[in-house]
Amino acid sequence: MERQAIREGILDILSSKDQMSLQIDVSEIHDDTSLINDVALDSIQILELIVAIENRFKFNINTEEISLDIFDRFSNLVEHIEAKMNNQ
């Protein structure tokens, strides 16, 4: 899957009112945006995001591979999903 499609998929999840209630507009999210500090995702929202990503991109994220570093920057999350998609 192409990187831009992954970015758009994550932004679509984040913009969904059913999934998230964000502190900022998704149009303000860029590669260096911290999903923890800038977007202010809490632990429940991160779990909801993980589940939504698994459903959207059709893979499972093992608990051993989850770290806050993945959510530190938006680009880190995109790269993680891209790597998972390429290793399937």
N, C-alpha and C. Protein backbone atom coordinates (compact mmCIF):
# COMPACT_ATOMS: atom_id res chain seq x y z
N MET A 1 0.84 -1.17 0.00
CA MET A 1 0.00 0.00 0.00
C MET A 1 0.88 1.24 0.00
N GLU A 2 0.49 2.21 -0.74
CA GLU A 2 1.24 3.45 -0.88
C GLU A 2 1.15 4.31 0.38
N ARG A 3 2.23 4.98 0.68
CA ARG A 3 2.35 5.81 1.89
C ARG A 3 1.21 6.84 1.99
N GLN A 4 0.87 7.49 0.89
CA GLN A 4 -0.19 8.50 0.91
C GLN A 4 -1.53 7.88 1.28
N ALA A 5 -1.80 6.68 0.80
CA ALA A 5 -3.05 5.99 1.13
C ALA A 5 -3.10 5.66 2.62
N ILE A 6 -1.96 5.30 3.19
CA ILE A 6 -1.89 5.02 4.62
C ILE A 6 -2.15 6.30 5.41
N ARG A 7 -1.51 7.39 5.01
CA ARG A 7 -1.72 8.69 5.68
C ARG A 7 -3.20 9.06 5.66
N GLU A 8 -3.81 8.95 4.49
CA GLU A 8 -5.21 9.31 4.35
C GLU A 8 -6.11 8.40 5.18
N GLY A 9 -5.76 7.12 5.25
CA GLY A 9 -6.54 6.18 6.05
C GLY A 9 -6.50 6.51 7.53
N ILE A 10 -5.31 6.87 8.02
CA ILE A 10 -5.18 7.24 9.44
C ILE A 10 -5.94 8.54 9.71
N LEU A 11 -5.79 9.52 8.83
CA LEU A 11 -6.50 10.78 9.01
C LEU A 11 -8.01 10.58 8.96
N ASP A 12 -8.45 9.66 8.12
CA ASP A 12 -9.88 9.34 8.05
C ASP A 12 -10.37 8.76 9.38
N ILE A 13 -9.58 7.87 9.95
CA ILE A 13 -9.92 7.29 11.26
C ILE A 13 -9.97 8.40 12.31
N LEU A 14 -8.96 9.25 12.32
CA LEU A 14 -8.89 10.31 13.32
C LEU A 14 -10.01 11.33 13.17
N SER A 15 -10.49 11.52 11.95
CA SER A 15 -11.55 12.50 11.72
C SER A 15 -12.94 11.93 11.99
N SER A 16 -13.04 10.61 12.14
CA SER A 16 -14.33 9.99 12.38
C SER A 16 -14.84 10.35 13.77
N LYS A 17 -16.02 10.94 13.81
CA LYS A 17 -16.62 11.32 15.09
C LYS A 17 -16.92 10.08 15.94
N ASP A 18 -17.18 8.95 15.29
CA ASP A 18 -17.44 7.71 16.01
C ASP A 18 -16.20 7.19 16.71
N GLN A 19 -15.04 7.47 16.15
CA GLN A 19 -13.79 6.93 16.68
C GLN A 19 -13.11 7.87 17.66
N MET A 20 -13.04 9.14 17.31
CA MET A 20 -12.19 10.05 18.08
C MET A 20 -12.89 11.38 18.35
N SER A 21 -12.51 11.97 19.43
CA SER A 21 -12.88 13.35 19.74
C SER A 21 -11.56 14.07 19.99
N LEU A 22 -11.09 14.78 18.98
CA LEU A 22 -9.74 15.34 19.02
C LEU A 22 -9.72 16.78 19.50
N GLN A 23 -8.56 17.17 20.03
CA GLN A 23 -8.35 18.54 20.48
C GLN A 23 -8.05 19.49 19.32
N ILE A 24 -7.59 18.95 18.17
CA ILE A 24 -7.27 19.79 17.01
C ILE A 24 -7.96 19.21 15.79
N ASP A 25 -8.04 20.02 14.74
CA ASP A 25 -8.61 19.58 13.48
C ASP A 25 -7.58 18.71 12.75
N VAL A 26 -8.05 17.65 12.09
CA VAL A 26 -7.11 16.74 11.41
C VAL A 26 -6.34 17.44 10.31
N SER A 27 -6.86 18.55 9.78
CA SER A 27 -6.14 19.27 8.74
C SER A 27 -4.84 19.88 9.28
N GLU A 28 -4.72 19.98 10.61
CA GLU A 28 -3.51 20.52 11.24
C GLU A 28 -2.46 19.45 11.51
N ILE A 29 -2.79 18.19 11.24
CA ILE A 29 -1.86 17.09 11.49
C ILE A 29 -0.91 16.94 10.30
N HIS A 30 0.38 16.94 10.60
CA HIS A 30 1.42 16.75 9.59
C HIS A 30 2.41 15.73 10.13
N ASP A 31 3.45 15.44 9.37
CA ASP A 31 4.39 14.37 9.74
C ASP A 31 5.01 14.54 11.12
N ASP A 32 5.30 15.77 11.52
CA ASP A 32 5.95 16.01 12.81
C ASP A 32 4.98 16.18 13.97
N THR A 33 3.69 16.06 13.72
CA THR A 33 2.70 16.21 14.78
C THR A 33 2.79 15.04 15.74
N SER A 34 2.85 15.34 17.03
CA SER A 34 2.82 14.30 18.05
C SER A 34 1.36 13.97 18.35
N LEU A 35 1.02 12.70 18.17
CA LEU A 35 -0.35 12.28 18.46
C LEU A 35 -0.63 12.31 19.96
N ILE A 36 0.41 12.26 20.75
CA ILE A 36 0.25 12.29 22.21
C ILE A 36 0.24 13.73 22.71
N ASN A 37 1.25 14.51 22.35
CA ASN A 37 1.37 15.86 22.89
C ASN A 37 0.53 16.90 22.14
N ASP A 38 0.56 16.87 20.82
CA ASP A 38 -0.14 17.89 20.03
C ASP A 38 -1.63 17.58 19.85
N VAL A 39 -1.93 16.33 19.52
CA VAL A 39 -3.32 15.92 19.33
C VAL A 39 -3.97 15.57 20.66
N ALA A 40 -3.14 15.25 21.65
CA ALA A 40 -3.59 14.93 23.02
C ALA A 40 -4.44 13.67 23.09
N LEU A 41 -4.01 12.64 22.34
CA LEU A 41 -4.69 11.35 22.46
C LEU A 41 -4.38 10.76 23.83
N ASP A 42 -5.42 10.27 24.51
CA ASP A 42 -5.19 9.60 25.78
C ASP A 42 -5.06 8.10 25.53
N SER A 43 -4.85 7.34 26.58
CA SER A 43 -4.59 5.91 26.42
C SER A 43 -5.77 5.17 25.80
N ILE A 44 -6.98 5.56 26.15
CA ILE A 44 -8.17 4.91 25.57
C ILE A 44 -8.26 5.24 24.08
N GLN A 45 -8.01 6.48 23.72
CA GLN A 45 -8.04 6.86 22.31
C GLN A 45 -6.95 6.15 21.51
N ILE A 46 -5.80 5.95 22.10
CA ILE A 46 -4.74 5.21 21.42
C ILE A 46 -5.17 3.78 21.18
N LEU A 47 -5.78 3.16 22.17
CA LEU A 47 -6.30 1.79 21.98
C LEU A 47 -7.37 1.76 20.90
N GLU A 48 -8.27 2.73 20.90
CA GLU A 48 -9.31 2.80 19.87
C GLU A 48 -8.68 2.99 18.49
N LEU A 49 -7.63 3.80 18.42
CA LEU A 49 -6.92 4.02 17.16
C LEU A 49 -6.27 2.73 16.68
N ILE A 50 -5.66 1.99 17.57
CA ILE A 50 -5.02 0.71 17.22
C ILE A 50 -6.05 -0.25 16.65
N VAL A 51 -7.19 -0.37 17.31
CA VAL A 51 -8.24 -1.28 16.82
C VAL A 51 -8.76 -0.83 15.45
N ALA A 52 -8.96 0.47 15.29
CA ALA A 52 -9.44 0.99 14.01
C ALA A 52 -8.42 0.76 12.90
N ILE A 53 -7.14 0.93 13.22
CA ILE A 53 -6.07 0.67 12.23
C ILE A 53 -6.06 -0.80 11.85
N GLU A 54 -6.16 -1.69 12.84
CA GLU A 54 -6.20 -3.13 12.54
C GLU A 54 -7.37 -3.46 11.62
N ASN A 55 -8.52 -2.88 11.88
CA ASN A 55 -9.70 -3.15 11.05
C ASN A 55 -9.56 -2.55 9.66
N ARG A 56 -9.05 -1.36 9.58
CA ARG A 56 -8.94 -0.65 8.30
C ARG A 56 -7.90 -1.29 7.39
N PHE A 57 -6.74 -1.62 7.97
CA PHE A 57 -5.62 -2.12 7.16
C PHE A 57 -5.48 -3.64 7.19
N LYS A 58 -6.36 -4.29 7.90
CA LYS A 58 -6.46 -5.76 7.89
C LYS A 58 -5.19 -6.47 8.36
N PHE A 59 -4.68 -6.07 9.52
CA PHE A 59 -3.58 -6.79 10.16
C PHE A 59 -3.70 -6.59 11.66
N ASN A 60 -3.00 -7.44 12.40
CA ASN A 60 -3.00 -7.34 13.86
C ASN A 60 -1.70 -6.73 14.35
N ILE A 61 -1.83 -5.91 15.36
CA ILE A 61 -0.67 -5.32 16.01
C ILE A 61 -0.47 -6.07 17.31
N ASN A 62 0.69 -6.70 17.47
CA ASN A 62 0.99 -7.42 18.69
C ASN A 62 1.30 -6.44 19.81
N THR A 63 0.90 -6.76 21.01
CA THR A 63 1.14 -5.86 22.15
C THR A 63 2.63 -5.63 22.37
N GLU A 64 3.47 -6.60 22.02
CA GLU A 64 4.91 -6.45 22.21
C GLU A 64 5.51 -5.35 21.33
N GLU A 65 4.85 -5.07 20.20
CA GLU A 65 5.41 -4.10 19.28
C GLU A 65 4.87 -2.68 19.51
N ILE A 66 3.95 -2.52 20.43
CA ILE A 66 3.38 -1.20 20.70
C ILE A 66 4.28 -0.44 21.67
N SER A 67 4.62 0.77 21.25
CA SER A 67 5.38 1.66 22.13
C SER A 67 4.89 3.09 21.88
N LEU A 68 5.13 3.93 22.84
CA LEU A 68 4.73 5.32 22.69
C LEU A 68 5.49 6.01 21.57
N ASP A 69 6.67 5.49 21.22
CA ASP A 69 7.45 6.06 20.13
C ASP A 69 6.67 6.06 18.81
N ILE A 70 5.85 5.04 18.61
CA ILE A 70 5.06 4.95 17.38
C ILE A 70 4.10 6.13 17.29
N PHE A 71 3.59 6.58 18.43
CA PHE A 71 2.60 7.66 18.44
C PHE A 71 3.21 9.02 18.73
N ASP A 72 4.54 9.05 18.88
CA ASP A 72 5.20 10.32 19.15
C ASP A 72 5.06 11.27 17.97
N ARG A 73 5.24 10.76 16.77
CA ARG A 73 5.08 11.56 15.56
C ARG A 73 4.15 10.83 14.60
N PHE A 74 3.35 11.60 13.89
CA PHE A 74 2.43 11.03 12.91
C PHE A 74 3.18 10.18 11.90
N SER A 75 4.34 10.67 11.46
CA SER A 75 5.12 9.92 10.47
C SER A 75 5.60 8.58 11.01
N ASN A 76 5.87 8.48 12.30
CA ASN A 76 6.26 7.20 12.90
C ASN A 76 5.14 6.17 12.75
N LEU A 77 3.90 6.61 12.98
CA LEU A 77 2.77 5.70 12.85
C LEU A 77 2.59 5.26 11.40
N VAL A 78 2.72 6.20 10.48
CA VAL A 78 2.61 5.87 9.05
C VAL A 78 3.69 4.86 8.67
N GLU A 79 4.92 5.10 9.11
CA GLU A 79 6.03 4.18 8.79
C GLU A 79 5.81 2.81 9.39
N HIS A 80 5.26 2.75 10.61
CA HIS A 80 5.01 1.46 11.25
C HIS A 80 3.96 0.67 10.45
N ILE A 81 2.91 1.32 10.06
CA ILE A 81 1.86 0.64 9.28
C ILE A 81 2.41 0.23 7.92
N GLU A 82 3.18 1.10 7.30
CA GLU A 82 3.77 0.78 6.00
C GLU A 82 4.66 -0.46 6.11
N ALA A 83 5.45 -0.56 7.15
CA ALA A 83 6.32 -1.73 7.37
C ALA A 83 5.48 -2.99 7.58
N LYS A 84 4.41 -2.86 8.37
CA LYS A 84 3.54 -4.03 8.60
C LYS A 84 2.90 -4.49 7.29
N MET A 85 2.46 -3.54 6.48
CA MET A 85 1.80 -3.88 5.22
C MET A 85 2.78 -4.55 4.25
N ASN A 86 4.02 -4.09 4.26
CA ASN A 86 5.03 -4.65 3.35
C ASN A 86 5.51 -6.03 3.79
N ASN A 87 5.33 -6.37 5.07
CA ASN A 87 5.78 -7.66 5.60
C ASN A 87 4.69 -8.71 5.62
N GLN A 88 3.54 -8.41 5.06
CA GLN A 88 2.46 -9.40 5.06
C GLN A 88 2.63 -10.37 3.93
